[in-house]
Amino acid sequence: MDATLFLSHPIIQLFTMLMLLGFLFVIIGLSVNAEIILSPIKGFMAGALVHNETYINEENEEVTEYTLQCLIFFISVNVLWEKRSG
């Protein structure tokens, strides 16, 4: 089997891209002191999510919650943190 043929398969390229993205999310999580959650998925998924939401809490502080999520077939990498201002 030719190695270039194996590495050019779309599933291998998708897996490699998601692994690099998951690693980048973990690096970002470590740099912002975030909660990093690795968990199994009961199924098969592939993709990534970036989300932030701003709201006012009970102490009248503006809070922004950030979520980074990378789904690598049957493993989920979640990075969660919040930033308070005001």
PDB file of N, CA and C in Angstrom:
ATOM      1  N   MET A   1       0.847  -1.186   0.000  1.00  0.00           N
ATOM      2  CA  MET A   1       0.000   0.000   0.000  1.00  0.00           C
ATOM      3  C   MET A   1       0.884   1.238   0.000  1.00  0.00           C
ATOM      4  N   ASP A   2       0.551   2.176  -0.840  1.00  0.00           N
ATOM      5  CA  ASP A   2       1.305   3.416  -0.970  1.00  0.00           C
ATOM      6  C   ASP A   2       0.899   4.386   0.150  1.00  0.00           C
ATOM      7  N   ALA A   3       1.884   4.945   0.856  1.00  0.00           N
ATOM      8  CA  ALA A   3       1.604   5.838   1.979  1.00  0.00           C
ATOM      9  C   ALA A   3       0.914   7.116   1.517  1.00  0.00           C
ATOM     10  N   THR A   4       1.261   7.626   0.347  1.00  0.00           N
ATOM     11  CA  THR A   4       0.617   8.856  -0.127  1.00  0.00           C
ATOM     12  C   THR A   4      -0.857   8.620  -0.431  1.00  0.00           C
ATOM     13  N   LEU A   5      -1.199   7.447  -0.904  1.00  0.00           N
ATOM     14  CA  LEU A   5      -2.594   7.111  -1.152  1.00  0.00           C
ATOM     15  C   LEU A   5      -3.368   7.050   0.159  1.00  0.00           C
ATOM     16  N   PHE A   6      -2.747   6.462   1.193  1.00  0.00           N
ATOM     17  CA  PHE A   6      -3.375   6.365   2.515  1.00  0.00           C
ATOM     18  C   PHE A   6      -3.590   7.754   3.106  1.00  0.00           C
ATOM     19  N   LEU A   7      -2.564   8.627   3.038  1.00  0.00           N
ATOM     20  CA  LEU A   7      -2.659   9.951   3.644  1.00  0.00           C
ATOM     21  C   LEU A   7      -3.567  10.888   2.865  1.00  0.00           C
ATOM     22  N   SER A   8      -3.851  10.586   1.610  1.00  0.00           N
ATOM     23  CA  SER A   8      -4.720  11.456   0.825  1.00  0.00           C
ATOM     24  C   SER A   8      -6.195  11.087   0.971  1.00  0.00           C
ATOM     25  N   HIS A   9      -6.503  10.062   1.729  1.00  0.00           N
ATOM     26  CA  HIS A   9      -7.901   9.666   1.946  1.00  0.00           C
ATOM     27  C   HIS A   9      -8.608  10.755   2.764  1.00  0.00           C
ATOM     28  N   PRO A  10      -9.833  11.158   2.399  1.00  0.00           N
ATOM     29  CA  PRO A  10     -10.531  12.250   3.098  1.00  0.00           C
ATOM     30  C   PRO A  10     -10.771  11.995   4.585  1.00  0.00           C
ATOM     31  N   ILE A  11     -11.010  10.766   4.980  1.00  0.00           N
ATOM     32  CA  ILE A  11     -11.235  10.467   6.404  1.00  0.00           C
ATOM     33  C   ILE A  11      -9.963  10.707   7.212  1.00  0.00           C
ATOM     34  N   ILE A  12      -8.822  10.326   6.686  1.00  0.00           N
ATOM     35  CA  ILE A  12      -7.540  10.543   7.369  1.00  0.00           C
ATOM     36  C   ILE A  12      -7.257  12.036   7.471  1.00  0.00           C
ATOM     37  N   GLN A  13      -7.541  12.786   6.413  1.00  0.00           N
ATOM     38  CA  GLN A  13      -7.334  14.230   6.444  1.00  0.00           C
ATOM     39  C   GLN A  13      -8.262  14.899   7.449  1.00  0.00           C
ATOM     40  N   LEU A  14      -9.519  14.474   7.519  1.00  0.00           N
ATOM     41  CA  LEU A  14     -10.473  15.011   8.490  1.00  0.00           C
ATOM     42  C   LEU A  14     -10.029  14.705   9.911  1.00  0.00           C
ATOM     43  N   PHE A  15      -9.620  13.467  10.164  1.00  0.00           N
ATOM     44  CA  PHE A  15      -9.148  13.069  11.485  1.00  0.00           C
ATOM     45  C   PHE A  15      -7.938  13.905  11.900  1.00  0.00           C
ATOM     46  N   THR A  16      -6.986  14.092  11.001  1.00  0.00           N
ATOM     47  CA  THR A  16      -5.785  14.878  11.298  1.00  0.00           C
ATOM     48  C   THR A  16      -6.144  16.328  11.596  1.00  0.00           C
ATOM     49  N   MET A  17      -7.033  16.913  10.798  1.00  0.00           N
ATOM     50  CA  MET A  17      -7.445  18.293  11.018  1.00  0.00           C
ATOM     51  C   MET A  17      -8.145  18.454  12.367  1.00  0.00           C
ATOM     52  N   LEU A  18      -9.036  17.527  12.713  1.00  0.00           N
ATOM     53  CA  LEU A  18      -9.739  17.609  13.994  1.00  0.00           C
ATOM     54  C   LEU A  18      -8.804  17.380  15.176  1.00  0.00           C
ATOM     55  N   MET A  19      -7.833  16.503  15.027  1.00  0.00           N
ATOM     56  CA  MET A  19      -6.848  16.296  16.100  1.00  0.00           C
ATOM     57  C   MET A  19      -6.043  17.577  16.345  1.00  0.00           C
ATOM     58  N   LEU A  20      -5.618  18.232  15.278  1.00  0.00           N
ATOM     59  CA  LEU A  20      -4.876  19.489  15.418  1.00  0.00           C
ATOM     60  C   LEU A  20      -5.756  20.578  16.021  1.00  0.00           C
ATOM     61  N   LEU A  21      -7.012  20.646  15.603  1.00  0.00           N
ATOM     62  CA  LEU A  21      -7.933  21.630  16.156  1.00  0.00           C
ATOM     63  C   LEU A  21      -8.212  21.360  17.633  1.00  0.00           C
ATOM     64  N   GLY A  22      -8.401  20.100  18.003  1.00  0.00           N
ATOM     65  CA  GLY A  22      -8.590  19.747  19.411  1.00  0.00           C
ATOM     66  C   GLY A  22      -7.377  20.099  20.251  1.00  0.00           C
ATOM     67  N   PHE A  23      -6.187  19.865  19.714  1.00  0.00           N
ATOM     68  CA  PHE A  23      -4.946  20.217  20.416  1.00  0.00           C
ATOM     69  C   PHE A  23      -4.850  21.733  20.577  1.00  0.00           C
ATOM     70  N   LEU A  24      -5.212  22.492  19.539  1.00  0.00           N
ATOM     71  CA  LEU A  24      -5.207  23.956  19.620  1.00  0.00           C
ATOM     72  C   LEU A  24      -6.197  24.435  20.674  1.00  0.00           C
ATOM     73  N   PHE A  25      -7.385  23.823  20.747  1.00  0.00           N
ATOM     74  CA  PHE A  25      -8.369  24.192  21.761  1.00  0.00           C
ATOM     75  C   PHE A  25      -7.824  23.943  23.168  1.00  0.00           C
ATOM     76  N   VAL A  26      -7.121  22.847  23.378  1.00  0.00           N
ATOM     77  CA  VAL A  26      -6.541  22.550  24.695  1.00  0.00           C
ATOM     78  C   VAL A  26      -5.463  23.576  25.039  1.00  0.00           C
ATOM     79  N   ILE A  27      -4.642  23.960  24.073  1.00  0.00           N
ATOM     80  CA  ILE A  27      -3.609  24.991  24.306  1.00  0.00           C
ATOM     81  C   ILE A  27      -4.277  26.313  24.695  1.00  0.00           C
ATOM     82  N   ILE A  28      -5.343  26.701  23.981  1.00  0.00           N
ATOM     83  CA  ILE A  28      -6.075  27.922  24.326  1.00  0.00           C
ATOM     84  C   ILE A  28      -6.656  27.804  25.729  1.00  0.00           C
ATOM     85  N   GLY A  29      -7.222  26.654  26.056  1.00  0.00           N
ATOM     86  CA  GLY A  29      -7.790  26.433  27.381  1.00  0.00           C
ATOM     87  C   GLY A  29      -6.764  26.563  28.491  1.00  0.00           C
ATOM     88  N   LEU A  30      -5.579  26.042  28.260  1.00  0.00           N
ATOM     89  CA  LEU A  30      -4.521  26.165  29.265  1.00  0.00           C
ATOM     90  C   LEU A  30      -4.067  27.608  29.415  1.00  0.00           C
ATOM     91  N   SER A  31      -4.049  28.365  28.330  1.00  0.00           N
ATOM     92  CA  SER A  31      -3.583  29.751  28.402  1.00  0.00           C
ATOM     93  C   SER A  31      -4.583  30.675  29.085  1.00  0.00           C
ATOM     94  N   VAL A  32      -5.890  30.359  29.038  1.00  0.00           N
ATOM     95  CA  VAL A  32      -6.901  31.203  29.698  1.00  0.00           C
ATOM     96  C   VAL A  32      -7.404  30.588  31.002  1.00  0.00           C
ATOM     97  N   ASN A  33      -6.752  29.522  31.465  1.00  0.00           N
ATOM     98  CA  ASN A  33      -7.122  28.845  32.710  1.00  0.00           C
ATOM     99  C   ASN A  33      -8.573  28.368  32.669  1.00  0.00           C
ATOM    100  N   ALA A  34      -8.934  27.692  31.599  1.00  0.00           N
ATOM    101  CA  ALA A  34     -10.302  27.230  31.386  1.00  0.00           C
ATOM    102  C   ALA A  34     -10.499  25.823  31.937  1.00  0.00           C
ATOM    103  N   GLU A  35     -11.764  25.439  32.011  1.00  0.00           N
ATOM    104  CA  GLU A  35     -12.119  24.067  32.361  1.00  0.00           C
ATOM    105  C   GLU A  35     -12.076  23.245  31.073  1.00  0.00           C
ATOM    106  N   ILE A  36     -11.281  22.179  31.072  1.00  0.00           N
ATOM    107  CA  ILE A  36     -11.123  21.331  29.894  1.00  0.00           C
ATOM    108  C   ILE A  36     -11.758  19.984  30.204  1.00  0.00           C
ATOM    109  N   ILE A  37     -12.712  19.583  29.366  1.00  0.00           N
ATOM    110  CA  ILE A  37     -13.454  18.345  29.592  1.00  0.00           C
ATOM    111  C   ILE A  37     -13.258  17.430  28.384  1.00  0.00           C
ATOM    112  N   LEU A  38     -12.774  16.218  28.632  1.00  0.00           N
ATOM    113  CA  LEU A  38     -12.695  15.180  27.608  1.00  0.00           C
ATOM    114  C   LEU A  38     -13.752  14.141  27.953  1.00  0.00           C
ATOM    115  N   SER A  39     -14.621  13.853  26.997  1.00  0.00           N
ATOM    116  CA  SER A  39     -15.686  12.903  27.302  1.00  0.00           C
ATOM    117  C   SER A  39     -16.016  12.057  26.070  1.00  0.00           C
ATOM    118  N   PRO A  40     -16.502  10.844  26.315  1.00  0.00           N
ATOM    119  CA  PRO A  40     -16.891   9.997  25.188  1.00  0.00           C
ATOM    120  C   PRO A  40     -18.247  10.417  24.633  1.00  0.00           C
ATOM    121  N   ILE A  41     -18.470  10.096  23.392  1.00  0.00           N
ATOM    122  CA  ILE A  41     -19.750  10.356  22.726  1.00  0.00           C
ATOM    123  C   ILE A  41     -20.405   9.012  22.448  1.00  0.00           C
ATOM    124  N   LYS A  42     -21.689   8.911  22.708  1.00  0.00           N
ATOM    125  CA  LYS A  42     -22.420   7.677  22.392  1.00  0.00           C
ATOM    126  C   LYS A  42     -22.906   7.780  20.955  1.00  0.00           C
ATOM    127  N   GLY A  43     -21.991   7.625  20.043  1.00  0.00           N
ATOM    128  CA  GLY A  43     -22.317   7.759  18.634  1.00  0.00           C
ATOM    129  C   GLY A  43     -21.067   8.102  17.850  1.00  0.00           C
ATOM    130  N   PHE A  44     -21.264   8.786  16.744  1.00  0.00           N
ATOM    131  CA  PHE A  44     -20.170   9.082  15.830  1.00  0.00           C
ATOM    132  C   PHE A  44     -20.378  10.491  15.294  1.00  0.00           C
ATOM    133  N   MET A  45     -19.484  11.427  15.660  1.00  0.00           N
ATOM    134  CA  MET A  45     -19.613  12.814  15.223  1.00  0.00           C
ATOM    135  C   MET A  45     -18.257  13.359  14.829  1.00  0.00           C
ATOM    136  N   ALA A  46     -18.267  14.369  13.962  1.00  0.00           N
ATOM    137  CA  ALA A  46     -17.042  15.053  13.577  1.00  0.00           C
ATOM    138  C   ALA A  46     -17.375  16.515  13.342  1.00  0.00           C
ATOM    139  N   GLY A  47     -16.590  17.409  13.936  1.00  0.00           N
ATOM    140  CA  GLY A  47     -16.822  18.829  13.731  1.00  0.00           C
ATOM    141  C   GLY A  47     -16.297  19.657  14.882  1.00  0.00           C
ATOM    142  N   ALA A  48     -16.522  20.969  14.801  1.00  0.00           N
ATOM    143  CA  ALA A  48     -16.044  21.897  15.827  1.00  0.00           C
ATOM    144  C   ALA A  48     -17.079  22.988  16.038  1.00  0.00           C
ATOM    145  N   LEU A  49     -17.057  23.585  17.240  1.00  0.00           N
ATOM    146  CA  LEU A  49     -17.981  24.644  17.614  1.00  0.00           C
ATOM    147  C   LEU A  49     -17.215  25.704  18.394  1.00  0.00           C
ATOM    148  N   VAL A  50     -17.477  26.963  18.070  1.00  0.00           N
ATOM    149  CA  VAL A  50     -16.947  28.097  18.827  1.00  0.00           C
ATOM    150  C   VAL A  50     -18.143  28.976  19.171  1.00  0.00           C
ATOM    151  N   HIS A  51     -18.311  29.304  20.469  1.00  0.00           N
ATOM    152  CA  HIS A  51     -19.494  30.058  20.885  1.00  0.00           C
ATOM    153  C   HIS A  51     -19.128  30.976  22.044  1.00  0.00           C
ATOM    154  N   ASN A  52     -19.726  32.172  22.068  1.00  0.00           N
ATOM    155  CA  ASN A  52     -19.636  33.030  23.249  1.00  0.00           C
ATOM    156  C   ASN A  52     -20.983  33.697  23.470  1.00  0.00           C
ATOM    157  N   GLU A  53     -21.277  33.963  24.726  1.00  0.00           N
ATOM    158  CA  GLU A  53     -22.561  34.568  25.101  1.00  0.00           C
ATOM    159  C   GLU A  53     -22.315  35.537  26.247  1.00  0.00           C
ATOM    160  N   THR A  54     -22.899  36.726  26.130  1.00  0.00           N
ATOM    161  CA  THR A  54     -22.730  37.760  27.150  1.00  0.00           C
ATOM    162  C   THR A  54     -24.072  38.006  27.833  1.00  0.00           C
ATOM    163  N   TYR A  55     -24.028  38.121  29.164  1.00  0.00           N
ATOM    164  CA  TYR A  55     -25.237  38.404  29.935  1.00  0.00           C
ATOM    165  C   TYR A  55     -24.859  39.170  31.195  1.00  0.00           C
ATOM    166  N   ILE A  56     -25.864  39.712  31.881  1.00  0.00           N
ATOM    167  CA  ILE A  56     -25.679  40.425  33.148  1.00  0.00           C
ATOM    168  C   ILE A  56     -26.134  39.502  34.271  1.00  0.00           C
ATOM    169  N   ASN A  57     -25.244  39.254  35.250  1.00  0.00           N
ATOM    170  CA  ASN A  57     -25.599  38.362  36.355  1.00  0.00           C
ATOM    171  C   ASN A  57     -26.288  39.125  37.494  1.00  0.00           C
ATOM    172  N   GLU A  58     -26.517  38.449  38.613  1.00  0.00           N
ATOM    173  CA  GLU A  58     -27.240  39.038  39.744  1.00  0.00           C
ATOM    174  C   GLU A  58     -26.497  40.203  40.384  1.00  0.00           C
ATOM    175  N   GLU A  59     -25.171  40.208  40.289  1.00  0.00           N
ATOM    176  CA  GLU A  59     -24.364  41.284  40.882  1.00  0.00           C
ATOM    177  C   GLU A  59     -24.147  42.438  39.906  1.00  0.00           C
ATOM    178  N   ASN A  60     -24.936  42.495  38.831  1.00  0.00           N
ATOM    179  CA  ASN A  60     -24.826  43.509  37.782  1.00  0.00           C
ATOM    180  C   ASN A  60     -23.448  43.540  37.133  1.00  0.00           C
ATOM    181  N   GLU A  61     -22.827  42.386  37.023  1.00  0.00           N
ATOM    182  CA  GLU A  61     -21.570  42.256  36.301  1.00  0.00           C
ATOM    183  C   GLU A  61     -21.861  41.709  34.912  1.00  0.00           C
ATOM    184  N   GLU A  62     -21.127  42.201  33.936  1.00  0.00           N
ATOM    185  CA  GLU A  62     -21.252  41.649  32.588  1.00  0.00           C
ATOM    186  C   GLU A  62     -20.347  40.421  32.495  1.00  0.00           C
ATOM    187  N   VAL A  63     -20.929  39.292  32.169  1.00  0.00           N
ATOM    188  CA  VAL A  63     -20.201  38.023  32.101  1.00  0.00           C
ATOM    189  C   VAL A  63     -20.278  37.502  30.671  1.00  0.00           C
ATOM    190  N   THR A  64     -19.124  37.135  30.133  1.00  0.00           N
ATOM    191  CA  THR A  64     -19.078  36.506  28.816  1.00  0.00           C
ATOM    192  C   THR A  64     -18.598  35.075  28.992  1.00  0.00           C
ATOM    193  N   GLU A  65     -19.418  34.121  28.570  1.00  0.00           N
ATOM    194  CA  GLU A  65     -19.053  32.704  28.631  1.00  0.00           C
ATOM    195  C   GLU A  65     -18.561  32.271  27.257  1.00  0.00           C
ATOM    196  N   TYR A  66     -17.442  31.568  27.243  1.00  0.00           N
ATOM    197  CA  TYR A  66     -16.848  31.081  26.004  1.00  0.00           C
ATOM    198  C   TYR A  66     -16.873  29.554  25.990  1.00  0.00           C
ATOM    199  N   THR A  67     -17.152  28.992  24.836  1.00  0.00           N
ATOM    200  CA  THR A  67     -17.157  27.541  24.653  1.00  0.00           C
ATOM    201  C   THR A  67     -16.422  27.199  23.365  1.00  0.00           C
ATOM    202  N   LEU A  68     -15.472  26.287  23.467  1.00  0.00           N
ATOM    203  CA  LEU A  68     -14.813  25.687  22.310  1.00  0.00           C
ATOM    204  C   LEU A  68     -15.077  24.190  22.406  1.00  0.00           C
ATOM    205  N   GLN A  69     -15.537  23.596  21.322  1.00  0.00           N
ATOM    206  CA  GLN A  69     -15.833  22.165  21.344  1.00  0.00           C
ATOM    207  C   GLN A  69     -15.339  21.539  20.042  1.00  0.00           C
ATOM    208  N   CYS A  70     -14.627  20.427  20.173  1.00  0.00           N
ATOM    209  CA  CYS A  70     -14.151  19.676  19.016  1.00  0.00           C
ATOM    210  C   CYS A  70     -14.589  18.228  19.189  1.00  0.00           C
ATOM    211  N   LEU A  71     -15.325  17.714  18.196  1.00  0.00           N
ATOM    212  CA  LEU A  71     -15.835  16.345  18.235  1.00  0.00           C
ATOM    213  C   LEU A  71     -15.034  15.509  17.249  1.00  0.00           C
ATOM    214  N   ILE A  72     -14.306  14.535  17.779  1.00  0.00           N
ATOM    215  CA  ILE A  72     -13.435  13.688  16.967  1.00  0.00           C
ATOM    216  C   ILE A  72     -13.990  12.275  17.007  1.00  0.00           C
ATOM    217  N   PHE A  73     -14.945  12.000  16.141  1.00  0.00           N
ATOM    218  CA  PHE A  73     -15.588  10.708  15.971  1.00  0.00           C
ATOM    219  C   PHE A  73     -16.303  10.246  17.237  1.00  0.00           C
ATOM    220  N   PHE A  74     -15.630   9.746  18.259  1.00  0.00           N
ATOM    221  CA  PHE A  74     -16.318   9.317  19.472  1.00  0.00           C
ATOM    222  C   PHE A  74     -15.743   9.952  20.731  1.00  0.00           C
ATOM    223  N   ILE A  75     -14.944  11.023  20.578  1.00  0.00           N
ATOM    224  CA  ILE A  75     -14.378  11.761  21.711  1.00  0.00           C
ATOM    225  C   ILE A  75     -14.735  13.241  21.562  1.00  0.00           C
ATOM    226  N   SER A  76     -15.144  13.853  22.662  1.00  0.00           N
ATOM    227  CA  SER A  76     -15.481  15.272  22.680  1.00  0.00           C
ATOM    228  C   SER A  76     -14.465  16.021  23.542  1.00  0.00           C
ATOM    229  N   VAL A  77     -13.890  17.092  22.990  1.00  0.00           N
ATOM    230  CA  VAL A  77     -12.981  17.973  23.722  1.00  0.00           C
ATOM    231  C   VAL A  77     -13.731  19.280  23.917  1.00  0.00           C
ATOM    232  N   ASN A  78     -14.025  19.634  25.183  1.00  0.00           N
ATOM    233  CA  ASN A  78     -14.768  20.859  25.511  1.00  0.00           C
ATOM    234  C   ASN A  78     -13.879  21.769  26.338  1.00  0.00           C
ATOM    235  N   VAL A  79     -13.821  23.027  25.971  1.00  0.00           N
ATOM    236  CA  VAL A  79     -13.064  24.036  26.712  1.00  0.00           C
ATOM    237  C   VAL A  79     -14.048  25.142  27.076  1.00  0.00           C
ATOM    238  N   LEU A  80     -14.204  25.389  28.388  1.00  0.00           N
ATOM    239  CA  LEU A  80     -15.194  26.351  28.896  1.00  0.00           C
ATOM    240  C   LEU A  80     -14.529  27.340  29.844  1.00  0.00           C
ATOM    241  N   TRP A  81     -14.814  28.630  29.640  1.00  0.00           N
ATOM    242  CA  TRP A  81     -14.338  29.629  30.575  1.00  0.00           C
ATOM    243  C   TRP A  81     -15.236  30.849  30.485  1.00  0.00           C
ATOM    244  N   GLU A  82     -15.133  31.718  31.502  1.00  0.00           N
ATOM    245  CA  GLU A  82     -15.914  32.940  31.491  1.00  0.00           C
ATOM    246  C   GLU A  82     -15.027  34.126  31.860  1.00  0.00           C
ATOM    247  N   LYS A  83     -15.444  35.285  31.387  1.00  0.00           N
ATOM    248  CA  LYS A  83     -14.712  36.526  31.641  1.00  0.00           C
ATOM    249  C   LYS A  83     -15.706  37.519  32.198  1.00  0.00           C
ATOM    250  N   ARG A  84     -15.377  38.097  33.355  1.00  0.00           N
ATOM    251  CA  ARG A  84     -16.268  39.053  34.016  1.00  0.00           C
ATOM    252  C   ARG A  84     -15.711  40.471  33.832  1.00  0.00           C
ATOM    253  N   SER A  85     -16.624  41.415  33.612  1.00  0.00           N
ATOM    254  CA  SER A  85     -16.224  42.820  33.526  1.00  0.00           C
ATOM    255  C   SER A  85     -17.339  43.677  34.108  1.00  0.00           C
ATOM    256  N   GLY A  86     -16.983  44.801  34.651  1.00  0.00           N
ATOM    257  CA  GLY A  86     -18.000  45.717  35.162  1.00  0.00           C
ATOM    258  C   GLY A  86     -18.192  45.561  36.610  1.00  0.00           C
TER     259      GLY A  86
END
